[in-house]
């Protein structure tokens, strides 16, 4: 249609002749990888759950002591004394 002479390459200058050589293709690949990495990071950050540190593990003896106190097998003073012994 518009012929600007023999120096314009294929498709009258609208093809892969200018700026899309090997270096241009590498630039586009890098841009594509950066976009994909940004999307992955965004999805992971939006779906990440707030992970709190695990609570300290309680001893089995303390759990049994609390159950005995809850059932009324021991009184408060005995519970507090035994709890202090277990935690020391």
Protein backbone atom coordinates (compact mmCIF):
# COMPACT_ATOMS: atom_id res chain seq x y z
CA UNK A 1 0.00 0.00 0.00
CA UNK A 2 2.56 2.60 1.13
CA UNK A 3 5.92 1.73 -0.21
CA UNK A 4 8.68 3.68 1.48
CA UNK A 5 11.46 1.99 -0.45
CA UNK A 6 13.58 -1.10 -0.05
CA UNK A 7 14.90 -0.29 3.45
CA UNK A 8 11.67 -0.91 5.35
CA UNK A 9 11.81 -4.71 5.53
CA UNK A 10 8.83 -6.97 5.52
CA UNK A 11 5.25 -5.69 5.93
CA UNK A 12 6.29 -2.10 5.15
CA UNK A 13 8.01 -1.65 8.52
CA UNK A 14 5.28 -3.16 10.67
CA UNK A 15 6.81 -6.65 11.05
CA UNK A 16 9.59 -8.03 13.18
CA UNK A 17 12.29 -5.98 11.54
CA UNK A 18 12.69 -3.14 14.08
CA UNK A 19 13.16 -3.59 17.82
CA UNK A 20 12.10 -7.21 17.85
CA UNK A 21 15.41 -8.93 17.19
CA UNK A 22 17.00 -11.36 19.63
CA UNK A 23 17.53 -8.66 22.26
CA UNK A 24 13.94 -7.44 21.95
CA UNK A 25 12.65 -10.99 22.34
CA UNK A 26 14.76 -11.47 25.49
CA UNK A 27 13.38 -8.24 26.92
CA UNK A 28 9.82 -9.42 26.32
CA UNK A 29 10.54 -12.80 27.92
CA UNK A 30 11.97 -11.04 30.99
CA UNK A 31 8.91 -8.79 31.18
CA UNK A 32 6.59 -11.79 30.87
CA UNK A 33 8.45 -13.65 33.64
CA UNK A 34 8.26 -10.56 35.86
CA UNK A 35 4.50 -10.27 35.30
CA UNK A 36 3.96 -13.96 36.09
CA UNK A 37 6.13 -13.70 39.23
CA UNK A 38 4.17 -10.63 40.38
CA UNK A 39 0.86 -12.44 39.89
CA UNK A 40 2.09 -15.50 41.81
CA UNK A 41 3.38 -13.30 44.64
CA UNK A 42 0.11 -11.36 44.77
CA UNK A 43 -2.01 -14.52 44.90
CA UNK A 44 0.16 -16.03 47.62
CA UNK A 45 0.13 -12.88 49.72
CA UNK A 46 -3.64 -12.52 49.45
CA UNK A 47 -4.34 -16.16 50.29
CA UNK A 48 -1.73 -16.54 53.05
CA UNK A 49 -3.22 -17.13 56.44
CA UNK A 50 -1.99 -15.30 59.48
CA UNK A 51 0.20 -17.92 61.05
CA UNK A 52 0.67 -17.37 64.73
CA UNK A 53 3.44 -19.09 66.62
CA UNK A 54 2.41 -22.35 68.21
CA UNK A 55 1.34 -22.12 71.80
CA UNK A 56 3.65 -23.70 74.32
CA UNK A 57 2.91 -27.36 74.79
CA UNK A 58 1.18 -28.14 78.03
CA UNK A 59 2.19 -31.07 80.11
CA UNK A 60 -0.13 -34.03 80.40
CA UNK A 61 0.18 -33.85 84.18
CA UNK A 62 -1.23 -30.32 84.24
CA UNK A 63 -4.18 -31.40 82.09
CA UNK A 64 -4.93 -34.28 84.46
CA UNK A 65 -4.62 -31.94 87.46
CA UNK A 66 -7.09 -29.49 85.90
CA UNK A 67 -9.54 -32.31 85.18
CA UNK A 68 -9.32 -33.56 88.76
CA UNK A 69 -9.93 -30.03 90.06
CA UNK A 70 -12.85 -29.55 87.67
CA UNK A 71 -14.45 -32.81 88.84
CA UNK A 72 -14.05 -31.77 92.46
CA UNK A 73 -11.62 -34.55 93.42
CA UNK A 74 -9.16 -32.03 94.89
CA UNK A 75 -9.70 -28.69 96.57
CA UNK A 76 -8.34 -25.32 95.46
CA UNK A 77 -5.36 -25.23 97.80
CA UNK A 78 -4.26 -28.71 96.75
CA UNK A 79 -4.74 -27.77 93.07
CA UNK A 80 -2.63 -24.61 93.38
CA UNK A 81 0.13 -26.42 95.27
CA UNK A 82 0.32 -29.25 92.74
CA UNK A 83 0.17 -26.81 89.83
CA UNK A 84 3.07 -24.85 91.31
CA UNK A 85 5.03 -28.11 91.72
CA UNK A 86 4.40 -29.12 88.11
CA UNK A 87 5.37 -25.74 86.65
CA UNK A 88 8.54 -25.40 88.71
